[in-house]
Amino acid sequence: MDIVALFCDIDDFCQRFEPWLQVQLLTIRQRQRQPTMHLSEVMTILVLFHLQGYRTFKQFYLEHVCVHLRQEFPNLVSYSRFVELQRDALLPLCAYLKRRYGHCTGIAFVDSTALAVCHNRRIHSHRVFAEVAARGKSSVGWFFGFKLHLVVNDQGELLACCLTPGNVDDRTPVPDLVKELWGKLFGDKGYISQALFETLLDQDLQLITKLRRNMRNKLMPLLDKILLRKRALMETIVDQLKNISQIEHTRHRSQWNFFVNLTTPGILSSPAWASGLMTTCRRRSSANAYVELTLFSSESRVKRISLCRDDIGG
């Protein structure tokens, strides 16, 4: 992914979001010093972290950003100061993720995954998430942490997501997640519920799941059976989030940074980067030239940047 195209898109969003946010905040009679790094620069670095394959953000910032990206980010701050700036970027990241949601195609898949914040033997001594996390049980055993609920369409684009404590049932947040969806919703056996089926049916959404062994067999259209097999798409997305984007680990020292690290990977699964859409951003430079940034994202994820100046017939 090109850094310039990514930064331009995030910066355009921040220019519209920050004035709106200042109107919503309470007025404080205290001087508000502007940080050295702009909000769009902080958000860009946070997104780039999940694209470079580094295990920890500290290693990425000190060994990659501070060494190789000095020209792109001339106002870099120390690592400890950047960690403090992450807290201010949480709300804009959530709004930017909401803006990058995909479109409902009539076919959606829902699933949840466990996010353990510590080993089971260290639950009693854990302090960072002691007041917000809870014990839960998944298909692989007990854990202490949260559950991440995801809804995607048949193209793998994120439609909705939410985070709940580990002891919340998978079916509880579904009605709120799929309020704006229609068509068919496919899930695993953990979403079997007659009450949930009737609730979603009132929202013009049909819940389709596999049957348990002790349930009576029901006739199902062939297309629904084929789409149930495609539910493995959710497992691929969860595997990428956990093993590539590193959203699950036990090294968190702050709740704020945990939520930032959890929000940023969802931006990369948005239609602008993962589907066949095209984003064009135009910027006027100091030399009265237009810089046209055209980002192509197809199956091969080809990206192109073209510089169009007035004196070159472009």
Protein backbone atom coordinates (compact mmCIF):
# COMPACT_ATOMS: atom_id res chain seq x y z
CA MET A 1 0.00 0.00 0.00
CA ASP A 2 1.34 3.42 -0.92
CA ILE A 3 1.93 5.73 2.02
CA VAL A 4 0.99 8.90 0.14
CA ALA A 5 -2.39 7.57 -1.01
CA LEU A 6 -3.15 6.24 2.47
CA PHE A 7 -2.18 9.50 4.15
CA CYS A 8 -4.21 11.63 1.72
CA ASP A 9 -7.36 9.62 2.36
CA ILE A 10 -6.92 9.76 6.15
CA ASP A 11 -6.02 13.45 6.06
CA ASP A 12 -9.15 14.29 4.05
CA PHE A 13 -11.21 12.50 6.67
CA CYS A 14 -9.48 14.32 9.55
CA GLN A 15 -10.06 17.72 7.96
CA ARG A 16 -13.80 17.08 8.08
CA PHE A 17 -13.90 15.19 11.35
CA GLU A 18 -11.83 17.45 13.62
CA PRO A 19 -13.97 20.62 13.17
CA TRP A 20 -17.10 18.60 13.87
CA LEU A 21 -15.50 17.07 16.97
CA GLN A 22 -14.48 20.46 18.37
CA VAL A 23 -18.11 21.62 18.20
CA GLN A 24 -19.28 18.57 20.16
CA LEU A 25 -16.71 18.88 22.96
CA LEU A 26 -17.22 20.92 26.09
CA THR A 27 -15.35 24.21 26.27
CA ILE A 28 -12.46 24.18 28.75
CA ARG A 29 -10.80 27.38 29.94
CA GLN A 30 -7.35 26.03 29.45
CA ARG A 31 -4.84 26.45 26.68
CA GLN A 32 -4.92 23.49 24.30
CA ARG A 33 -1.44 22.99 22.87
CA GLN A 34 -1.32 21.42 19.46
CA PRO A 35 0.89 18.30 19.30
CA THR A 36 3.91 18.22 17.03
CA MET A 37 2.49 15.37 14.96
CA HIS A 38 -0.84 15.84 13.27
CA LEU A 39 -3.68 13.41 13.93
CA SER A 40 -3.60 12.14 10.35
CA GLU A 41 0.10 11.27 10.70
CA VAL A 42 -0.56 9.28 13.87
CA MET A 43 -3.42 7.37 12.26
CA THR A 44 -1.34 6.62 9.15
CA ILE A 45 1.50 5.14 11.20
CA LEU A 46 -0.95 3.02 13.19
CA VAL A 47 -2.42 1.60 9.97
CA LEU A 48 1.01 0.97 8.45
CA PHE A 49 2.01 -1.10 11.46
CA HIS A 50 -0.46 -3.82 10.52
CA LEU A 51 0.91 -3.96 6.96
CA GLN A 52 4.61 -4.44 7.72
CA GLY A 53 4.49 -7.72 9.64
CA TYR A 54 6.23 -6.55 12.81
CA ARG A 55 5.49 -8.42 16.02
CA THR A 56 5.46 -5.38 18.32
CA PHE A 57 4.66 -1.75 17.64
CA LYS A 58 7.73 -0.55 19.53
CA GLN A 59 10.05 -2.41 17.18
CA PHE A 60 8.12 -1.11 14.16
CA TYR A 61 8.27 2.51 15.32
CA LEU A 62 11.91 2.57 16.39
CA GLU A 63 13.43 0.38 13.67
CA HIS A 64 11.21 1.17 10.67
CA VAL A 65 9.42 4.51 11.08
CA CYS A 66 12.24 6.41 12.77
CA VAL A 67 14.84 5.00 10.35
CA HIS A 68 13.15 4.67 6.95
CA LEU A 69 10.21 7.10 7.11
CA ARG A 70 11.90 10.27 8.37
CA GLN A 71 11.29 12.02 5.06
CA GLU A 72 7.57 11.16 5.01
CA PHE A 73 7.08 12.11 8.69
CA PRO A 74 9.51 14.96 9.49
CA ASN A 75 7.89 15.76 12.86
CA LEU A 76 8.36 12.39 14.51
CA VAL A 77 8.24 12.30 18.30
CA SER A 78 9.72 9.87 20.78
CA TYR A 79 8.15 6.48 21.24
CA SER A 80 6.79 7.28 24.71
CA ARG A 81 5.16 10.47 23.39
CA PHE A 82 3.66 8.62 20.43
CA VAL A 83 2.08 6.10 22.80
CA GLU A 84 0.37 9.02 24.53
CA LEU A 85 -0.92 10.35 21.20
CA GLN A 86 -2.55 7.02 20.41
CA ARG A 87 -5.24 7.71 23.00
CA ASP A 88 -6.41 10.81 21.12
CA ALA A 89 -6.58 8.80 17.88
CA LEU A 90 -9.04 6.18 19.20
CA LEU A 91 -12.25 8.10 18.49
CA PRO A 92 -11.17 9.23 14.98
CA LEU A 93 -10.11 5.66 14.17
CA CYS A 94 -13.52 4.34 15.18
CA ALA A 95 -15.24 6.96 13.02
CA TYR A 96 -12.91 6.24 10.10
CA LEU A 97 -13.60 2.50 10.45
CA LYS A 98 -17.35 3.17 10.43
CA ARG A 99 -16.90 5.22 7.26
CA ARG A 100 -15.04 2.31 5.62
CA TYR A 101 -17.77 -0.28 6.17
CA GLY A 102 -18.82 -2.25 3.10
CA HIS A 103 -22.24 -2.44 1.49
CA CYS A 104 -24.82 -5.14 2.12
CA THR A 105 -25.20 -7.51 -0.84
CA GLY A 106 -27.99 -9.64 0.62
CA ILE A 107 -25.52 -12.30 1.84
CA ALA A 108 -23.75 -11.86 5.18
CA PHE A 109 -21.75 -14.04 7.56
CA VAL A 110 -21.54 -13.62 11.32
CA ASP A 111 -19.02 -15.10 13.72
CA SER A 112 -17.20 -14.33 16.95
CA THR A 113 -13.71 -15.04 18.21
CA ALA A 114 -12.15 -15.02 21.65
CA LEU A 115 -9.49 -12.46 22.57
CA ALA A 116 -7.60 -13.63 25.63
CA VAL A 117 -5.75 -10.89 27.51
CA CYS A 118 -3.75 -13.18 29.79
CA HIS A 119 -3.03 -16.82 30.53
CA ASN A 120 -5.58 -18.62 32.66
CA ARG A 121 -3.02 -19.11 35.42
CA ARG A 122 -2.51 -15.35 35.68
CA ILE A 123 -6.18 -14.31 35.89
CA HIS A 124 -6.05 -13.49 39.60
CA SER A 125 -2.94 -11.31 39.22
CA HIS A 126 -4.07 -9.54 36.03
CA ARG A 127 -4.78 -5.83 36.56
CA VAL A 128 -5.07 -4.03 33.19
CA PHE A 129 -8.48 -5.48 32.21
CA ALA A 130 -9.59 -6.71 35.63
CA GLU A 131 -12.69 -4.46 35.64
CA VAL A 132 -13.84 -4.89 32.03
CA ALA A 133 -12.83 -8.41 30.91
CA ALA A 134 -14.56 -11.61 31.96
CA ARG A 135 -14.16 -15.36 31.80
CA GLY A 136 -15.68 -17.10 28.84
CA LYS A 137 -15.66 -20.41 27.04
CA SER A 138 -15.04 -21.02 23.36
CA SER A 139 -14.69 -24.15 21.25
CA VAL A 140 -11.06 -24.53 22.38
CA GLY A 141 -11.61 -24.00 26.11
CA TRP A 142 -11.86 -21.36 28.81
CA PHE A 143 -10.27 -17.93 28.49
CA PHE A 144 -10.20 -14.53 30.20
CA GLY A 145 -10.79 -11.54 27.97
CA PHE A 146 -13.24 -10.37 25.34
CA LYS A 147 -15.23 -11.57 22.36
CA LEU A 148 -14.95 -9.87 19.00
CA HIS A 149 -18.14 -10.14 16.92
CA LEU A 150 -17.82 -9.64 13.16
CA VAL A 151 -20.28 -9.42 10.28
CA VAL A 152 -18.95 -9.50 6.70
CA ASN A 153 -20.53 -9.81 3.27
CA ASP A 154 -19.78 -12.43 0.63
CA GLN A 155 -16.84 -10.35 -0.63
CA GLY A 156 -15.12 -10.27 2.75
CA GLU A 157 -15.93 -6.62 3.44
CA LEU A 158 -16.63 -5.64 7.03
CA LEU A 159 -20.26 -4.68 7.67
CA ALA A 160 -20.37 -4.42 11.47
CA CYS A 161 -18.33 -5.30 14.53
CA CYS A 162 -18.47 -4.97 18.30
CA LEU A 163 -16.54 -6.02 21.38
CA THR A 164 -18.12 -7.67 24.43
CA PRO A 165 -16.81 -9.31 27.61
CA GLY A 166 -15.96 -12.98 27.32
CA ASN A 167 -19.06 -14.16 29.21
CA VAL A 168 -21.56 -12.64 26.74
CA ASP A 169 -23.47 -15.08 24.55
CA ASP A 170 -22.69 -14.95 20.83
CA ARG A 171 -26.36 -14.37 20.00
CA THR A 172 -26.85 -11.36 22.27
CA PRO A 173 -25.31 -8.56 20.11
CA VAL A 174 -26.54 -9.92 16.76
CA PRO A 175 -29.82 -7.91 16.51
CA ASP A 176 -27.93 -4.64 17.00
CA LEU A 177 -25.18 -5.59 14.57
CA VAL A 178 -27.51 -6.40 11.67
CA LYS A 179 -30.04 -3.56 11.97
CA GLU A 180 -29.15 -2.18 8.54
CA LEU A 181 -28.78 -5.53 6.77
CA TRP A 182 -31.23 -7.50 4.65
CA GLY A 183 -31.27 -10.84 2.87
CA LYS A 184 -29.66 -13.90 4.47
CA LEU A 185 -27.33 -14.19 7.45
CA PHE A 186 -25.19 -17.33 7.81
CA GLY A 187 -23.73 -18.44 11.12
CA ASP A 188 -22.45 -21.53 12.92
CA LYS A 189 -24.33 -23.74 15.37
CA GLY A 190 -23.70 -21.29 18.19
CA TYR A 191 -26.32 -18.95 16.71
CA ILE A 192 -29.18 -21.46 16.73
CA SER A 193 -32.11 -19.80 18.48
CA GLN A 194 -35.79 -19.65 17.59
CA ALA A 195 -36.19 -16.29 19.31
CA LEU A 196 -33.24 -14.84 17.39
CA PHE A 197 -34.56 -16.28 14.13
CA GLU A 198 -37.95 -14.60 14.62
CA THR A 199 -36.36 -11.31 15.66
CA LEU A 200 -34.20 -11.17 12.57
CA LEU A 201 -37.07 -12.27 10.36
CA ASP A 202 -38.98 -9.17 11.45
CA GLN A 203 -36.00 -7.15 10.17
CA ASP A 204 -36.23 -8.82 6.72
CA LEU A 205 -33.18 -10.94 7.51
CA GLN A 206 -33.22 -14.76 7.44
CA LEU A 207 -30.84 -16.56 9.80
CA ILE A 208 -29.41 -19.79 8.35
CA THR A 209 -27.30 -22.18 10.43
CA LYS A 210 -26.31 -25.82 10.42
CA LEU A 211 -28.33 -28.28 12.48
CA ARG A 212 -27.20 -30.04 15.61
CA ARG A 213 -27.21 -33.82 15.76
CA ASN A 214 -30.22 -33.95 18.08
CA MET A 215 -32.33 -31.68 15.82
CA ARG A 216 -34.76 -32.78 13.19
CA ASN A 217 -33.55 -32.56 9.64
CA LYS A 218 -35.09 -29.77 7.57
CA LEU A 219 -35.15 -29.19 3.85
CA MET A 220 -32.75 -26.50 2.75
CA PRO A 221 -32.22 -24.99 -0.70
CA LEU A 222 -29.05 -26.07 -2.45
CA LEU A 223 -27.82 -22.49 -2.66
CA ASP A 224 -28.05 -22.09 1.12
CA LYS A 225 -26.03 -25.28 1.63
CA ILE A 226 -23.32 -23.99 -0.69
CA LEU A 227 -23.21 -20.61 1.05
CA LEU A 228 -22.93 -22.31 4.44
CA ARG A 229 -19.67 -23.84 3.23
CA LYS A 230 -18.42 -20.40 2.32
CA ARG A 231 -18.67 -19.46 5.98
CA ALA A 232 -15.02 -20.54 6.12
CA LEU A 233 -14.34 -17.01 4.86
CA MET A 234 -14.85 -15.83 8.43
CA GLU A 235 -12.16 -18.21 9.67
CA THR A 236 -9.73 -16.76 7.14
CA ILE A 237 -10.47 -13.21 8.30
CA VAL A 238 -10.10 -14.12 11.96
CA ASP A 239 -6.83 -15.93 11.25
CA GLN A 240 -5.45 -12.86 9.49
CA LEU A 241 -6.50 -10.57 12.33
CA LYS A 242 -4.91 -12.74 14.99
CA ASN A 243 -1.76 -14.05 13.31
CA ILE A 244 -0.86 -11.17 10.96
CA SER A 245 -2.36 -8.07 12.57
CA GLN A 246 -1.59 -9.34 16.09
CA ILE A 247 -4.85 -8.22 17.70
CA GLU A 248 -4.53 -10.92 20.39
CA HIS A 249 -1.59 -10.92 22.75
CA THR A 250 -0.95 -10.59 26.48
CA ARG A 251 1.47 -7.63 26.45
CA HIS A 252 -1.06 -4.80 26.76
CA ARG A 253 -0.30 -2.20 29.41
CA SER A 254 -3.18 0.16 28.66
CA GLN A 255 -6.83 -0.30 27.79
CA TRP A 256 -6.72 2.64 25.39
CA ASN A 257 -3.92 1.18 23.30
CA PHE A 258 -5.63 -2.20 23.28
CA PHE A 259 -8.70 -0.68 21.65
CA VAL A 260 -6.53 1.26 19.17
CA ASN A 261 -4.70 -1.92 18.19
CA LEU A 262 -8.05 -3.66 17.79
CA THR A 263 -9.67 -0.93 15.68
CA THR A 264 -6.91 -0.32 13.15
CA PRO A 265 -6.91 -3.73 11.34
CA GLY A 266 -10.59 -3.35 10.48
CA ILE A 267 -9.71 -0.38 8.26
CA LEU A 268 -7.60 -2.62 6.05
CA SER A 269 -10.57 -4.88 5.29
CA SER A 270 -12.62 -1.96 3.99
CA PRO A 271 -13.80 -1.81 0.38
CA ALA A 272 -11.35 0.97 -0.46
CA TRP A 273 -8.37 -1.32 0.07
CA ALA A 274 -9.74 -4.85 -0.39
CA SER A 275 -12.28 -4.71 -3.21
CA GLY A 276 -12.37 -3.42 -6.75
CA LEU A 277 -13.08 0.20 -5.95
CA MET A 278 -11.01 3.17 -7.02
CA THR A 279 -10.21 6.16 -4.86
CA THR A 280 -8.98 9.38 -6.41
CA CYS A 281 -7.56 12.20 -4.31
CA ARG A 282 -6.42 15.47 -5.82
CA ARG A 283 -4.11 17.89 -4.08
CA ARG A 284 -2.89 21.28 -5.29
CA SER A 285 0.82 21.71 -4.61
CA SER A 286 2.78 24.91 -4.01
CA ALA A 287 3.87 24.96 -7.68
CA ASN A 288 0.22 25.28 -8.79
CA ALA A 289 0.22 21.68 -9.96
CA TYR A 290 -2.32 18.97 -9.40
CA VAL A 291 -1.24 15.73 -7.87
CA GLU A 292 -3.69 13.01 -8.72
CA LEU A 293 -3.46 9.97 -6.52
CA THR A 294 -5.34 7.10 -8.06
CA LEU A 295 -5.43 3.96 -6.00
CA PHE A 296 -6.47 0.77 -7.72
CA SER A 297 -7.27 -2.18 -5.53
CA SER A 298 -8.17 -5.31 -7.45
CA GLU A 299 -7.54 -9.00 -6.96
CA SER A 300 -3.85 -8.44 -7.59
CA ARG A 301 -4.04 -5.21 -5.54
CA VAL A 302 -2.30 -3.06 -8.10
CA LYS A 303 -1.67 0.48 -6.94
CA ARG A 304 -0.67 3.40 -9.14
CA ILE A 305 0.16 7.00 -8.48
CA SER A 306 0.30 9.47 -11.36
CA LEU A 307 1.55 13.04 -11.16
CA CYS A 308 -0.42 15.31 -13.50
CA ARG A 309 0.93 18.80 -14.10
CA ASP A 310 -0.61 21.58 -16.09
CA ASP A 311 2.38 21.81 -18.43
CA ILE A 312 2.20 18.10 -19.34
CA GLY A 313 -1.15 17.90 -21.01
CA GLY A 314 -2.43 15.84 -18.06
